PDB file of N, CA and C in Angstrom:
ATOM      1  N   UNK A   1      -7.436 -34.111 128.887  1.00  0.00           N
ATOM      2  CA  UNK A   1      -8.753 -34.506 128.428  1.00  0.00           C
ATOM      3  C   UNK A   1      -8.786 -34.289 126.909  1.00  0.00           C
ATOM      4  N   UNK A   2      -9.279 -35.263 126.204  1.00  0.00           N
ATOM      5  CA  UNK A   2      -9.366 -35.167 124.748  1.00  0.00           C
ATOM      6  C   UNK A   2     -10.571 -34.326 124.339  1.00  0.00           C
ATOM      7  N   UNK A   3     -10.590 -33.954 123.071  1.00  0.00           N
ATOM      8  CA  UNK A   3     -11.718 -33.195 122.555  1.00  0.00           C
ATOM      9  C   UNK A   3     -13.015 -33.962 122.668  1.00  0.00           C
ATOM     10  N   UNK A   4     -12.932 -35.267 122.421  1.00  0.00           N
ATOM     11  CA  UNK A   4     -14.126 -36.110 122.511  1.00  0.00           C
ATOM     12  C   UNK A   4     -14.640 -36.155 123.952  1.00  0.00           C
ATOM     13  N   UNK A   5     -13.727 -36.262 124.919  1.00  0.00           N
ATOM     14  CA  UNK A   5     -14.141 -36.281 126.328  1.00  0.00           C
ATOM     15  C   UNK A   5     -14.751 -34.943 126.735  1.00  0.00           C
ATOM     16  N   UNK A   6     -14.159 -33.861 126.265  1.00  0.00           N
ATOM     17  CA  UNK A   6     -14.700 -32.532 126.569  1.00  0.00           C
ATOM     18  C   UNK A   6     -16.103 -32.377 126.005  1.00  0.00           C
ATOM     19  N   UNK A   7     -16.290 -32.833 124.773  1.00  0.00           N
ATOM     20  CA  UNK A   7     -17.607 -32.750 124.149  1.00  0.00           C
ATOM     21  C   UNK A   7     -18.617 -33.606 124.909  1.00  0.00           C
ATOM     22  N   UNK A   8     -18.219 -34.808 125.296  1.00  0.00           N
ATOM     23  CA  UNK A   8     -19.112 -35.695 126.053  1.00  0.00           C
ATOM     24  C   UNK A   8     -19.510 -35.037 127.372  1.00  0.00           C
ATOM     25  N   UNK A   9     -18.549 -34.437 128.076  1.00  0.00           N
ATOM     26  CA  UNK A   9     -18.852 -33.750 129.331  1.00  0.00           C
ATOM     27  C   UNK A   9     -19.813 -32.592 129.106  1.00  0.00           C
ATOM     28  N   UNK A  10     -19.573 -31.838 128.054  1.00  0.00           N
ATOM     29  CA  UNK A  10     -20.418 -30.689 127.754  1.00  0.00           C
ATOM     30  C   UNK A  10     -21.845 -31.116 127.435  1.00  0.00           C
ATOM     31  N   UNK A  11     -21.985 -32.179 126.663  1.00  0.00           N
ATOM     32  CA  UNK A  11     -23.313 -32.633 126.254  1.00  0.00           C
ATOM     33  C   UNK A  11     -24.073 -33.346 127.364  1.00  0.00           C
ATOM     34  N   UNK A  12     -23.382 -33.815 128.371  1.00  0.00           N
ATOM     35  CA  UNK A  12     -24.053 -34.502 129.475  1.00  0.00           C
ATOM     36  C   UNK A  12     -24.082 -33.610 130.709  1.00  0.00           C
ATOM     37  N   UNK A  13     -24.473 -32.382 130.520  1.00  0.00           N
ATOM     38  CA  UNK A  13     -24.489 -31.392 131.583  1.00  0.00           C
ATOM     39  C   UNK A  13     -25.437 -31.790 132.703  1.00  0.00           C
ATOM     40  N   UNK A  14     -24.946 -31.694 133.912  1.00  0.00           N
ATOM     41  CA  UNK A  14     -25.729 -31.959 135.109  1.00  0.00           C
ATOM     42  C   UNK A  14     -26.766 -30.845 135.277  1.00  0.00           C
ATOM     43  N   UNK A  15     -27.995 -31.166 135.639  1.00  0.00           N
ATOM     44  CA  UNK A  15     -29.016 -30.135 135.835  1.00  0.00           C
ATOM     45  C   UNK A  15     -28.640 -29.110 136.908  1.00  0.00           C
ATOM     46  N   UNK A  16     -27.753 -29.479 137.824  1.00  0.00           N
ATOM     47  CA  UNK A  16     -27.327 -28.554 138.869  1.00  0.00           C
ATOM     48  C   UNK A  16     -26.254 -27.581 138.383  1.00  0.00           C
ATOM     49  N   UNK A  17     -25.722 -27.800 137.187  1.00  0.00           N
ATOM     50  CA  UNK A  17     -24.702 -26.944 136.601  1.00  0.00           C
ATOM     51  C   UNK A  17     -25.239 -25.514 136.488  1.00  0.00           C
ATOM     52  N   UNK A  18     -24.460 -24.549 136.942  1.00  0.00           N
ATOM     53  CA  UNK A  18     -24.887 -23.151 136.919  1.00  0.00           C
ATOM     54  C   UNK A  18     -25.003 -22.591 135.507  1.00  0.00           C
ATOM     55  N   UNK A  19     -24.264 -23.136 134.574  1.00  0.00           N
ATOM     56  CA  UNK A  19     -24.262 -22.592 133.221  1.00  0.00           C
ATOM     57  C   UNK A  19     -23.360 -21.372 133.128  1.00  0.00           C
ATOM     58  N   UNK A  20     -23.079 -20.971 131.914  1.00  0.00           N
ATOM     59  CA  UNK A  20     -22.158 -19.858 131.680  1.00  0.00           C
ATOM     60  C   UNK A  20     -22.694 -18.531 132.217  1.00  0.00           C
ATOM     61  N   UNK A  21     -23.962 -18.252 132.003  1.00  0.00           N
ATOM     62  CA  UNK A  21     -24.522 -16.955 132.411  1.00  0.00           C
ATOM     63  C   UNK A  21     -24.461 -16.768 133.927  1.00  0.00           C
ATOM     64  N   UNK A  22     -24.902 -17.775 134.675  1.00  0.00           N
ATOM     65  CA  UNK A  22     -24.868 -17.662 136.135  1.00  0.00           C
ATOM     66  C   UNK A  22     -23.436 -17.629 136.646  1.00  0.00           C
ATOM     67  N   UNK A  23     -22.573 -18.428 136.052  1.00  0.00           N
ATOM     68  CA  UNK A  23     -21.166 -18.434 136.452  1.00  0.00           C
ATOM     69  C   UNK A  23     -20.555 -17.053 136.230  1.00  0.00           C
ATOM     70  N   UNK A  24     -20.811 -16.452 135.073  1.00  0.00           N
ATOM     71  CA  UNK A  24     -20.279 -15.123 134.784  1.00  0.00           C
ATOM     72  C   UNK A  24     -20.807 -14.099 135.780  1.00  0.00           C
ATOM     73  N   UNK A  25     -22.074 -14.230 136.152  1.00  0.00           N
ATOM     74  CA  UNK A  25     -22.684 -13.307 137.117  1.00  0.00           C
ATOM     75  C   UNK A  25     -22.039 -13.421 138.497  1.00  0.00           C
ATOM     76  N   UNK A  26     -21.582 -14.627 138.855  1.00  0.00           N
ATOM     77  CA  UNK A  26     -21.044 -14.875 140.188  1.00  0.00           C
ATOM     78  C   UNK A  26     -19.519 -14.953 140.236  1.00  0.00           C
ATOM     79  N   UNK A  27     -18.859 -14.771 139.111  1.00  0.00           N
ATOM     80  CA  UNK A  27     -17.422 -15.020 139.042  1.00  0.00           C
ATOM     81  C   UNK A  27     -16.633 -14.177 140.048  1.00  0.00           C
ATOM     82  N   UNK A  28     -17.012 -12.928 140.240  1.00  0.00           N
ATOM     83  CA  UNK A  28     -16.265 -12.084 141.179  1.00  0.00           C
ATOM     84  C   UNK A  28     -16.407 -12.595 142.606  1.00  0.00           C
ATOM     85  N   UNK A  29     -17.611 -12.977 142.983  1.00  0.00           N
ATOM     86  CA  UNK A  29     -17.824 -13.508 144.337  1.00  0.00           C
ATOM     87  C   UNK A  29     -17.123 -14.842 144.520  1.00  0.00           C
ATOM     88  N   UNK A  30     -17.137 -15.679 143.478  1.00  0.00           N
ATOM     89  CA  UNK A  30     -16.455 -16.976 143.529  1.00  0.00           C
ATOM     90  C   UNK A  30     -14.960 -16.768 143.765  1.00  0.00           C
ATOM     91  N   UNK A  31     -14.360 -15.869 142.999  1.00  0.00           N
ATOM     92  CA  UNK A  31     -12.917 -15.613 143.121  1.00  0.00           C
ATOM     93  C   UNK A  31     -12.585 -15.003 144.480  1.00  0.00           C
ATOM     94  N   UNK A  32     -13.380 -14.055 144.936  1.00  0.00           N
ATOM     95  CA  UNK A  32     -13.137 -13.460 146.258  1.00  0.00           C
ATOM     96  C   UNK A  32     -13.178 -14.523 147.342  1.00  0.00           C
ATOM     97  N   UNK A  33     -14.150 -15.416 147.279  1.00  0.00           N
ATOM     98  CA  UNK A  33     -14.275 -16.473 148.278  1.00  0.00           C
ATOM     99  C   UNK A  33     -13.084 -17.425 148.205  1.00  0.00           C
ATOM    100  N   UNK A  34     -12.676 -17.759 146.983  1.00  0.00           N
ATOM    101  CA  UNK A  34     -11.538 -18.671 146.810  1.00  0.00           C
ATOM    102  C   UNK A  34     -10.272 -18.061 147.397  1.00  0.00           C
ATOM    103  N   UNK A  35     -10.043 -16.797 147.160  1.00  0.00           N
ATOM    104  CA  UNK A  35      -8.843 -16.141 147.694  1.00  0.00           C
ATOM    105  C   UNK A  35      -8.912 -15.967 149.207  1.00  0.00           C
ATOM    106  N   UNK A  36     -10.087 -15.694 149.735  1.00  0.00           N
ATOM    107  CA  UNK A  36     -10.238 -15.451 151.169  1.00  0.00           C
ATOM    108  C   UNK A  36     -10.228 -16.725 151.990  1.00  0.00           C
ATOM    109  N   UNK A  37     -10.916 -17.768 151.502  1.00  0.00           N
ATOM    110  CA  UNK A  37     -11.102 -18.965 152.324  1.00  0.00           C
ATOM    111  C   UNK A  37     -10.705 -20.257 151.644  1.00  0.00           C
ATOM    112  N   UNK A  38     -10.505 -20.208 150.329  1.00  0.00           N
ATOM    113  CA  UNK A  38     -10.105 -21.417 149.610  1.00  0.00           C
ATOM    114  C   UNK A  38     -11.200 -22.453 149.459  1.00  0.00           C
ATOM    115  N   UNK A  39     -12.446 -22.049 149.674  1.00  0.00           N
ATOM    116  CA  UNK A  39     -13.536 -23.024 149.606  1.00  0.00           C
ATOM    117  C   UNK A  39     -14.692 -22.542 148.727  1.00  0.00           C
ATOM    118  N   UNK A  40     -14.368 -21.856 147.642  1.00  0.00           N
ATOM    119  CA  UNK A  40     -15.411 -21.313 146.776  1.00  0.00           C
ATOM    120  C   UNK A  40     -16.326 -22.409 146.245  1.00  0.00           C
ATOM    121  N   UNK A  41     -15.782 -23.588 146.008  1.00  0.00           N
ATOM    122  CA  UNK A  41     -16.588 -24.698 145.520  1.00  0.00           C
ATOM    123  C   UNK A  41     -17.670 -25.115 146.504  1.00  0.00           C
ATOM    124  N   UNK A  42     -17.403 -24.953 147.793  1.00  0.00           N
ATOM    125  CA  UNK A  42     -18.410 -25.271 148.804  1.00  0.00           C
ATOM    126  C   UNK A  42     -19.480 -24.187 148.866  1.00  0.00           C
ATOM    127  N   UNK A  43     -19.055 -22.941 148.717  1.00  0.00           N
ATOM    128  CA  UNK A  43     -19.997 -21.830 148.783  1.00  0.00           C
ATOM    129  C   UNK A  43     -20.825 -21.701 147.503  1.00  0.00           C
ATOM    130  N   UNK A  44     -20.237 -22.096 146.387  1.00  0.00           N
ATOM    131  CA  UNK A  44     -20.899 -21.981 145.085  1.00  0.00           C
ATOM    132  C   UNK A  44     -20.812 -23.316 144.342  1.00  0.00           C
ATOM    133  N   UNK A  45     -21.494 -24.335 144.830  1.00  0.00           N
ATOM    134  CA  UNK A  45     -21.351 -25.665 144.233  1.00  0.00           C
ATOM    135  C   UNK A  45     -21.815 -25.739 142.782  1.00  0.00           C
ATOM    136  N   UNK A  46     -22.832 -24.976 142.424  1.00  0.00           N
ATOM    137  CA  UNK A  46     -23.308 -25.001 141.034  1.00  0.00           C
ATOM    138  C   UNK A  46     -22.264 -24.408 140.092  1.00  0.00           C
ATOM    139  N   UNK A  47     -21.585 -23.371 140.542  1.00  0.00           N
ATOM    140  CA  UNK A  47     -20.523 -22.759 139.746  1.00  0.00           C
ATOM    141  C   UNK A  47     -19.338 -23.720 139.652  1.00  0.00           C
ATOM    142  N   UNK A  48     -18.973 -24.327 140.757  1.00  0.00           N
ATOM    143  CA  UNK A  48     -17.855 -25.276 140.747  1.00  0.00           C
ATOM    144  C   UNK A  48     -18.129 -26.432 139.791  1.00  0.00           C
ATOM    145  N   UNK A  49     -19.338 -26.908 139.795  1.00  0.00           N
ATOM    146  CA  UNK A  49     -19.724 -27.980 138.884  1.00  0.00           C
ATOM    147  C   UNK A  49     -19.563 -27.525 137.439  1.00  0.00           C
ATOM    148  N   UNK A  50     -19.987 -26.311 137.156  1.00  0.00           N
ATOM    149  CA  UNK A  50     -19.865 -25.776 135.798  1.00  0.00           C
ATOM    150  C   UNK A  50     -18.402 -25.622 135.396  1.00  0.00           C
ATOM    151  N   UNK A  51     -17.575 -25.153 136.297  1.00  0.00           N
ATOM    152  CA  UNK A  51     -16.164 -24.936 135.986  1.00  0.00           C
ATOM    153  C   UNK A  51     -15.446 -26.235 135.658  1.00  0.00           C
ATOM    154  N   UNK A  52     -15.947 -27.344 136.156  1.00  0.00           N
ATOM    155  CA  UNK A  52     -15.346 -28.650 135.855  1.00  0.00           C
ATOM    156  C   UNK A  52     -15.601 -29.098 134.427  1.00  0.00           C
ATOM    157  N   UNK A  53     -16.601 -28.532 133.777  1.00  0.00           N
ATOM    158  CA  UNK A  53     -16.940 -28.981 132.422  1.00  0.00           C
ATOM    159  C   UNK A  53     -16.827 -27.889 131.364  1.00  0.00           C
ATOM    160  N   UNK A  54     -16.644 -26.649 131.768  1.00  0.00           N
ATOM    161  CA  UNK A  54     -16.588 -25.558 130.797  1.00  0.00           C
ATOM    162  C   UNK A  54     -15.206 -24.913 130.815  1.00  0.00           C
ATOM    163  N   UNK A  55     -14.403 -25.263 129.837  1.00  0.00           N
ATOM    164  CA  UNK A  55     -13.048 -24.733 129.743  1.00  0.00           C
ATOM    165  C   UNK A  55     -12.983 -23.215 129.687  1.00  0.00           C
ATOM    166  N   UNK A  56     -13.789 -22.560 128.849  1.00  0.00           N
ATOM    167  CA  UNK A  56     -13.722 -21.096 128.783  1.00  0.00           C
ATOM    168  C   UNK A  56     -14.045 -20.408 130.118  1.00  0.00           C
ATOM    169  N   UNK A  57     -15.045 -20.882 130.819  1.00  0.00           N
ATOM    170  CA  UNK A  57     -15.380 -20.281 132.114  1.00  0.00           C
ATOM    171  C   UNK A  57     -14.268 -20.550 133.136  1.00  0.00           C
ATOM    172  N   UNK A  58     -13.729 -21.760 133.124  1.00  0.00           N
ATOM    173  CA  UNK A  58     -12.636 -22.094 134.037  1.00  0.00           C
ATOM    174  C   UNK A  58     -11.417 -21.224 133.744  1.00  0.00           C
ATOM    175  N   UNK A  59     -11.166 -20.964 132.473  1.00  0.00           N
ATOM    176  CA  UNK A  59     -10.047 -20.098 132.096  1.00  0.00           C
ATOM    177  C   UNK A  59     -10.275 -18.671 132.590  1.00  0.00           C
ATOM    178  N   UNK A  60     -11.504 -18.186 132.506  1.00  0.00           N
ATOM    179  CA  UNK A  60     -11.825 -16.853 133.026  1.00  0.00           C
ATOM    180  C   UNK A  60     -11.564 -16.782 134.527  1.00  0.00           C
ATOM    181  N   UNK A  61     -11.959 -17.812 135.253  1.00  0.00           N
ATOM    182  CA  UNK A  61     -11.738 -17.833 136.704  1.00  0.00           C
ATOM    183  C   UNK A  61     -10.250 -17.857 137.011  1.00  0.00           C
ATOM    184  N   UNK A  62      -9.488 -18.686 136.301  1.00  0.00           N
ATOM    185  CA  UNK A  62      -8.036 -18.734 136.524  1.00  0.00           C
ATOM    186  C   UNK A  62      -7.398 -17.375 136.242  1.00  0.00           C
ATOM    187  N   UNK A  63      -7.826 -16.725 135.185  1.00  0.00           N
ATOM    188  CA  UNK A  63      -7.284 -15.411 134.855  1.00  0.00           C
ATOM    189  C   UNK A  63      -7.618 -14.368 135.899  1.00  0.00           C
ATOM    190  N   UNK A  64      -8.854 -14.372 136.361  1.00  0.00           N
ATOM    191  CA  UNK A  64      -9.249 -13.411 137.395  1.00  0.00           C
ATOM    192  C   UNK A  64      -8.534 -13.691 138.705  1.00  0.00           C
ATOM    193  N   UNK A  65      -8.398 -14.960 139.058  1.00  0.00           N
ATOM    194  CA  UNK A  65      -7.645 -15.304 140.263  1.00  0.00           C
ATOM    195  C   UNK A  65      -6.208 -14.783 140.158  1.00  0.00           C
ATOM    196  N   UNK A  66      -5.584 -14.979 139.011  1.00  0.00           N
ATOM    197  CA  UNK A  66      -4.201 -14.518 138.826  1.00  0.00           C
ATOM    198  C   UNK A  66      -4.123 -13.002 138.888  1.00  0.00           C
ATOM    199  N   UNK A  67      -5.083 -12.318 138.269  1.00  0.00           N
ATOM    200  CA  UNK A  67      -5.068 -10.854 138.262  1.00  0.00           C
ATOM    201  C   UNK A  67      -5.256 -10.296 139.670  1.00  0.00           C
ATOM    202  N   UNK A  68      -6.221 -10.852 140.383  1.00  0.00           N
ATOM    203  CA  UNK A  68      -6.516 -10.357 141.730  1.00  0.00           C
ATOM    204  C   UNK A  68      -5.378 -10.697 142.694  1.00  0.00           C
ATOM    205  N   UNK A  69      -4.773 -11.845 142.495  1.00  0.00           N
ATOM    206  CA  UNK A  69      -3.676 -12.255 143.363  1.00  0.00           C
ATOM    207  C   UNK A  69      -2.366 -11.544 142.999  1.00  0.00           C
ATOM    208  N   UNK A  70      -2.383 -10.739 141.933  1.00  0.00           N
ATOM    209  CA  UNK A  70      -1.202  -9.983 141.556  1.00  0.00           C
ATOM    210  C   UNK A  70      -0.191 -10.763 140.744  1.00  0.00           C
ATOM    211  N   UNK A  71      -0.630 -11.844 140.110  1.00  0.00           N
ATOM    212  CA  UNK A  71       0.278 -12.669 139.349  1.00  0.00           C
ATOM    213  C   UNK A  71       0.463 -12.183 137.920  1.00  0.00           C
ATOM    214  N   UNK A  72      -0.347 -11.219 137.490  1.00  0.00           N
ATOM    215  CA  UNK A  72      -0.210 -10.673 136.143  1.00  0.00           C
ATOM    216  C   UNK A  72       0.505  -9.334 136.227  1.00  0.00           C
ATOM    217  N   UNK A  73       1.250  -9.032 135.200  1.00  0.00           N
ATOM    218  CA  UNK A  73       1.951  -7.731 135.163  1.00  0.00           C
ATOM    219  C   UNK A  73       1.007  -6.616 134.822  1.00  0.00           C
TER     220      UNK A  73
END
């Protein structure tokens, strides 16, 4: 995705988007659900929607998933 596409996605935020604050508040539950059942997007659709458009939040989730799954040293 180009910078222009990322900016366009960010500026056209869906009203159902959880936003950074709510995503950060729910990140632990989202990751636990993803590791346990693989369906965190179904359980937390507003967070999943946000993660599709917010690179920093998506990176935080990937990092936490890796840490919890034991992929980090």
